[in-house]
Amino acid sequence: MPIFKNPAPVIVGLVFNERDEILTVTRTIKPLGEALPGGYQVKGEDWRTALQRELWEEAYVRVSANPSDMPLFDMQTTPSTEQNLTFAVIRPRGLLEVATYKPTKETSARAFRKIGKDNIPRLCFPLHEAAIRKYLAGVPVEMRGICGYSDIW
C-alpha cells in the first residue's frame, strides 16, 4: 500500500488593531525575521482554534473564533508544495486582548505596523507579503473570493 505525504496545514493571521495596523512577530527560529503570526494546525484542532492558539503562543493576543470575526481570506501552497497556508483576517472587533508581551521560544518581539500599498513590511515569508498585497488590493475577504465556496456550507 502506498504511503502518501500530505502538505502540512499552516494557519496565518492578518490581525488588525483599531488604528488599522497589522500584527507582526519577530521570529527566533528559522527563517529568522519578521512574519505574520501563525503556525501549524495540529490534529484535533479546527483552523480557527489553531490560529487562536498560535496567536497566544507567539504574540500574547487573544481573538474571537466567531466566523464573522475571523473570515477566511486566502489559501496558498508553498513553492515546495510541502505546506498549505490558510490566511484569516481578524478585524478590531475580533481582537479580544493584547496582553503584555514577553519573548517566547519562537518570537522575540511583536509589533502592530502601519501598512499601505507602498508600505508593505519585508517579511521572511514571501507568501505573507503576497497575502498583505492581496488584502490591500481589495480581494474579497471570504472563501468565495478564493475558490467558489462559502465559509458556511
C-alpha atoms as a PDB file:
ATOM      1  CA  MET A   1       0.000   0.000   0.000  1.00  0.00           C
ATOM      2  CA  PRO A   2       1.459   3.412  -0.930  1.00  0.00           C
ATOM      3  CA  ILE A   3       2.190   5.939   1.796  1.00  0.00           C
ATOM      4  CA  PHE A   4       1.127   9.477   0.986  1.00  0.00           C
ATOM      5  CA  LYS A   5       2.845  12.545   2.403  1.00  0.00           C
ATOM      6  CA  ASN A   6       0.276  15.314   2.552  1.00  0.00           C
ATOM      7  CA  PRO A   7       1.076  19.024   2.845  1.00  0.00           C
ATOM      8  CA  ALA A   8       1.122  20.356   6.395  1.00  0.00           C
ATOM      9  CA  PRO A   9      -1.695  22.821   7.205  1.00  0.00           C
ATOM     10  CA  VAL A  10      -0.398  26.216   8.362  1.00  0.00           C
ATOM     11  CA  ILE A  11      -2.765  28.890   9.681  1.00  0.00           C
ATOM     12  CA  VAL A  12      -1.732  32.568   9.449  1.00  0.00           C
ATOM     13  CA  GLY A  13      -3.470  35.673  10.810  1.00  0.00           C
ATOM     14  CA  LEU A  14      -3.785  39.128   9.331  1.00  0.00           C
ATOM     15  CA  VAL A  15      -4.672  40.743  12.668  1.00  0.00           C
ATOM     16  CA  PHE A  16      -5.626  44.430  12.696  1.00  0.00           C
ATOM     17  CA  ASN A  17      -5.990  46.801  15.635  1.00  0.00           C
ATOM     18  CA  GLU A  18      -8.284  49.842  15.874  1.00  0.00           C
ATOM     19  CA  ARG A  19      -5.619  52.009  14.137  1.00  0.00           C
ATOM     20  CA  ASP A  20      -5.712  49.645  11.108  1.00  0.00           C
ATOM     21  CA  GLU A  21      -2.196  48.415  11.882  1.00  0.00           C
ATOM     22  CA  ILE A  22      -1.247  44.790  11.210  1.00  0.00           C
ATOM     23  CA  LEU A  23       0.301  42.470  13.799  1.00  0.00           C
ATOM     24  CA  THR A  24       3.757  41.048  13.075  1.00  0.00           C
ATOM     25  CA  VAL A  25       6.165  38.974  15.141  1.00  0.00           C
ATOM     26  CA  THR A  26       9.944  38.702  15.026  1.00  0.00           C
ATOM     27  CA  ARG A  27      10.946  35.051  14.716  1.00  0.00           C
ATOM     28  CA  THR A  28      13.815  33.478  16.666  1.00  0.00           C
ATOM     29  CA  ILE A  29      13.556  30.221  14.689  1.00  0.00           C
ATOM     30  CA  LYS A  30      14.434  29.739  11.044  1.00  0.00           C
ATOM     31  CA  PRO A  31      13.723  31.521   8.920  1.00  0.00           C
ATOM     32  CA  LEU A  32      14.684  34.443  11.137  1.00  0.00           C
ATOM     33  CA  GLY A  33      12.960  37.778  10.667  1.00  0.00           C
ATOM     34  CA  GLU A  34       9.592  39.428  10.786  1.00  0.00           C
ATOM     35  CA  ALA A  35       6.446  37.496   9.840  1.00  0.00           C
ATOM     36  CA  LEU A  36       2.716  37.400  10.275  1.00  0.00           C
ATOM     37  CA  PRO A  37       1.781  35.278  13.306  1.00  0.00           C
ATOM     38  CA  GLY A  38       0.663  31.732  12.732  1.00  0.00           C
ATOM     39  CA  GLY A  39       1.765  28.135  12.672  1.00  0.00           C
ATOM     40  CA  TYR A  40       0.827  24.521  12.199  1.00  0.00           C
ATOM     41  CA  GLN A  41      -2.642  23.172  12.809  1.00  0.00           C
ATOM     42  CA  VAL A  42      -2.325  20.078  14.973  1.00  0.00           C
ATOM     43  CA  LYS A  43      -4.522  17.002  14.962  1.00  0.00           C
ATOM     44  CA  GLY A  44      -7.737  17.599  16.875  1.00  0.00           C
ATOM     45  CA  GLU A  45      -7.890  21.350  16.126  1.00  0.00           C
ATOM     46  CA  ASP A  46     -10.017  23.147  13.603  1.00  0.00           C
ATOM     47  CA  TRP A  47      -8.258  26.007  11.818  1.00  0.00           C
ATOM     48  CA  ARG A  48      -9.799  28.742  13.979  1.00  0.00           C
ATOM     49  CA  THR A  49      -8.705  27.032  17.211  1.00  0.00           C
ATOM     50  CA  ALA A  50      -5.219  26.562  15.749  1.00  0.00           C
ATOM     51  CA  LEU A  51      -4.976  30.258  14.913  1.00  0.00           C
ATOM     52  CA  GLN A  52      -6.222  31.266  18.373  1.00  0.00           C
ATOM     53  CA  ARG A  53      -3.556  29.060  19.963  1.00  0.00           C
ATOM     54  CA  GLU A  54      -0.765  30.299  17.682  1.00  0.00           C
ATOM     55  CA  LEU A  55      -1.639  33.973  18.251  1.00  0.00           C
ATOM     56  CA  TRP A  56      -1.466  33.461  22.010  1.00  0.00           C
ATOM     57  CA  GLU A  57       1.748  31.395  21.874  1.00  0.00           C
ATOM     58  CA  GLU A  58       3.588  33.811  19.571  1.00  0.00           C
ATOM     59  CA  ALA A  59       2.170  37.240  20.394  1.00  0.00           C
ATOM     60  CA  TYR A  60       0.016  37.064  23.572  1.00  0.00           C
ATOM     61  CA  VAL A  61      -3.034  38.136  21.590  1.00  0.00           C
ATOM     62  CA  ARG A  62      -6.500  36.630  22.120  1.00  0.00           C
ATOM     63  CA  VAL A  63      -9.024  36.696  19.301  1.00  0.00           C
ATOM     64  CA  SER A  64     -12.613  35.643  18.777  1.00  0.00           C
ATOM     65  CA  ALA A  65     -13.250  32.397  16.894  1.00  0.00           C
ATOM     66  CA  ASN A  66     -16.647  33.631  15.720  1.00  0.00           C
ATOM     67  CA  PRO A  67     -16.737  33.062  11.930  1.00  0.00           C
ATOM     68  CA  SER A  68     -17.808  36.658  11.318  1.00  0.00           C
ATOM     69  CA  ASP A  69     -14.781  37.889  13.318  1.00  0.00           C
ATOM     70  CA  MET A  70     -12.289  35.507  11.660  1.00  0.00           C
ATOM     71  CA  PRO A  71     -13.203  35.036   7.989  1.00  0.00           C
ATOM     72  CA  LEU A  72     -11.016  33.028   5.650  1.00  0.00           C
ATOM     73  CA  PHE A  73      -9.122  35.296   3.299  1.00  0.00           C
ATOM     74  CA  ASP A  74      -6.641  33.376   1.184  1.00  0.00           C
ATOM     75  CA  MET A  75      -5.100  29.964   0.667  1.00  0.00           C
ATOM     76  CA  GLN A  76      -1.663  29.423  -0.821  1.00  0.00           C
ATOM     77  CA  THR A  77       0.646  26.457  -1.312  1.00  0.00           C
ATOM     78  CA  THR A  78       4.365  26.909  -0.798  1.00  0.00           C
ATOM     79  CA  PRO A  79       6.546  26.501  -3.912  1.00  0.00           C
ATOM     80  CA  SER A  80       7.866  23.224  -2.442  1.00  0.00           C
ATOM     81  CA  THR A  81       4.224  22.024  -2.076  1.00  0.00           C
ATOM     82  CA  GLU A  82       5.068  20.895   1.475  1.00  0.00           C
ATOM     83  CA  GLN A  83       2.685  23.327   3.190  1.00  0.00           C
ATOM     84  CA  ASN A  84      -0.759  24.741   2.559  1.00  0.00           C
ATOM     85  CA  LEU A  85      -1.192  28.167   4.130  1.00  0.00           C
ATOM     86  CA  THR A  86      -4.644  29.334   5.182  1.00  0.00           C
ATOM     87  CA  PHE A  87      -4.905  33.066   5.886  1.00  0.00           C
ATOM     88  CA  ALA A  88      -7.653  34.610   8.022  1.00  0.00           C
ATOM     89  CA  VAL A  89      -8.387  38.269   8.729  1.00  0.00           C
ATOM     90  CA  ILE A  90      -9.112  39.402  12.274  1.00  0.00           C
ATOM     91  CA  ARG A  91     -10.503  42.917  12.434  1.00  0.00           C
ATOM     92  CA  PRO A  92     -10.513  45.052  15.603  1.00  0.00           C
ATOM     93  CA  ARG A  93     -13.884  43.767  16.868  1.00  0.00           C
ATOM     94  CA  GLY A  94     -12.399  40.235  16.934  1.00  0.00           C
ATOM     95  CA  LEU A  95      -9.308  41.357  18.833  1.00  0.00           C
ATOM     96  CA  LEU A  96     -10.234  40.483  22.423  1.00  0.00           C
ATOM     97  CA  GLU A  97      -6.982  41.021  24.328  1.00  0.00           C
ATOM     98  CA  VAL A  98      -3.468  42.277  23.669  1.00  0.00           C
ATOM     99  CA  ALA A  99      -1.644  41.117  26.799  1.00  0.00           C
ATOM    100  CA  THR A 100       1.793  42.191  27.940  1.00  0.00           C
ATOM    101  CA  TYR A 101       4.325  40.660  25.565  1.00  0.00           C
ATOM    102  CA  LYS A 102       7.244  38.536  26.719  1.00  0.00           C
ATOM    103  CA  PRO A 103       9.677  36.697  24.425  1.00  0.00           C
ATOM    104  CA  THR A 104       8.814  33.080  23.609  1.00  0.00           C
ATOM    105  CA  LYS A 105      10.692  30.065  22.215  1.00  0.00           C
ATOM    106  CA  GLU A 106       9.719  31.210  18.722  1.00  0.00           C
ATOM    107  CA  THR A 107       9.459  35.015  18.874  1.00  0.00           C
ATOM    108  CA  SER A 108      11.489  37.873  20.334  1.00  0.00           C
ATOM    109  CA  ALA A 109       9.061  40.756  19.639  1.00  0.00           C
ATOM    110  CA  ARG A 110       5.636  41.709  18.362  1.00  0.00           C
ATOM    111  CA  ALA A 111       4.516  44.925  16.723  1.00  0.00           C
ATOM    112  CA  PHE A 112       1.480  46.495  15.141  1.00  0.00           C
ATOM    113  CA  ARG A 113       2.686  48.092  11.913  1.00  0.00           C
ATOM    114  CA  LYS A 114       1.067  50.605   9.591  1.00  0.00           C
ATOM    115  CA  ILE A 115       0.764  49.192   6.087  1.00  0.00           C
ATOM    116  CA  GLY A 116      -0.184  50.565   2.691  1.00  0.00           C
ATOM    117  CA  LYS A 117       0.267  49.725  -0.978  1.00  0.00           C
ATOM    118  CA  ASP A 118       3.647  51.478  -0.871  1.00  0.00           C
ATOM    119  CA  ASN A 119       4.411  50.361   2.686  1.00  0.00           C
ATOM    120  CA  ILE A 120       4.477  46.568   2.934  1.00  0.00           C
ATOM    121  CA  PRO A 121       6.905  45.261   5.550  1.00  0.00           C
ATOM    122  CA  ARG A 122       9.708  42.993   4.360  1.00  0.00           C
ATOM    123  CA  LEU A 123       8.777  39.643   5.846  1.00  0.00           C
ATOM    124  CA  CYS A 124      10.756  36.411   5.997  1.00  0.00           C
ATOM    125  CA  PHE A 125       7.945  34.543   4.194  1.00  0.00           C
ATOM    126  CA  PRO A 126       7.160  35.850   0.677  1.00  0.00           C
ATOM    127  CA  LEU A 127       3.654  34.335   0.833  1.00  0.00           C
ATOM    128  CA  HIS A 128       2.894  36.510   3.876  1.00  0.00           C
ATOM    129  CA  GLU A 129       3.838  39.603   1.860  1.00  0.00           C
ATOM    130  CA  ALA A 130       1.679  38.329  -1.018  1.00  0.00           C
ATOM    131  CA  ALA A 131      -1.312  37.970   1.325  1.00  0.00           C
ATOM    132  CA  ILE A 132      -0.885  41.568   2.527  1.00  0.00           C
ATOM    133  CA  ARG A 133      -0.730  42.759  -1.099  1.00  0.00           C
ATOM    134  CA  LYS A 134      -3.967  40.888  -1.884  1.00  0.00           C
ATOM    135  CA  TYR A 135      -5.630  42.381   1.181  1.00  0.00           C
ATOM    136  CA  LEU A 136      -4.594  45.910   0.186  1.00  0.00           C
ATOM    137  CA  ALA A 137      -5.765  45.290  -3.393  1.00  0.00           C
ATOM    138  CA  GLY A 138      -9.252  44.663  -2.055  1.00  0.00           C
ATOM    139  CA  VAL A 139      -9.532  40.940  -2.719  1.00  0.00           C
ATOM    140  CA  PRO A 140     -12.819  39.861  -1.051  1.00  0.00           C
ATOM    141  CA  VAL A 141     -12.390  38.598   2.494  1.00  0.00           C
ATOM    142  CA  GLU A 142     -14.378  35.412   2.120  1.00  0.00           C
ATOM    143  CA  MET A 143     -13.829  31.902   0.853  1.00  0.00           C
ATOM    144  CA  ARG A 144     -15.902  32.601  -2.278  1.00  0.00           C
ATOM    145  CA  GLY A 145     -13.134  35.005  -3.318  1.00  0.00           C
ATOM    146  CA  ILE A 146     -10.745  32.052  -3.412  1.00  0.00           C
ATOM    147  CA  CYS A 147     -12.436  29.053  -4.968  1.00  0.00           C
ATOM    148  CA  GLY A 148     -16.186  29.441  -5.133  1.00  0.00           C
ATOM    149  CA  TYR A 149     -17.064  28.145  -1.671  1.00  0.00           C
ATOM    150  CA  SER A 150     -18.683  29.904   1.233  1.00  0.00           C
ATOM    151  CA  ASP A 151     -17.292  29.712   4.771  1.00  0.00           C
ATOM    152  CA  ILE A 152     -20.729  28.361   5.755  1.00  0.00           C
ATOM    153  CA  TRP A 153     -21.511  25.124   3.918  1.00  0.00           C
END
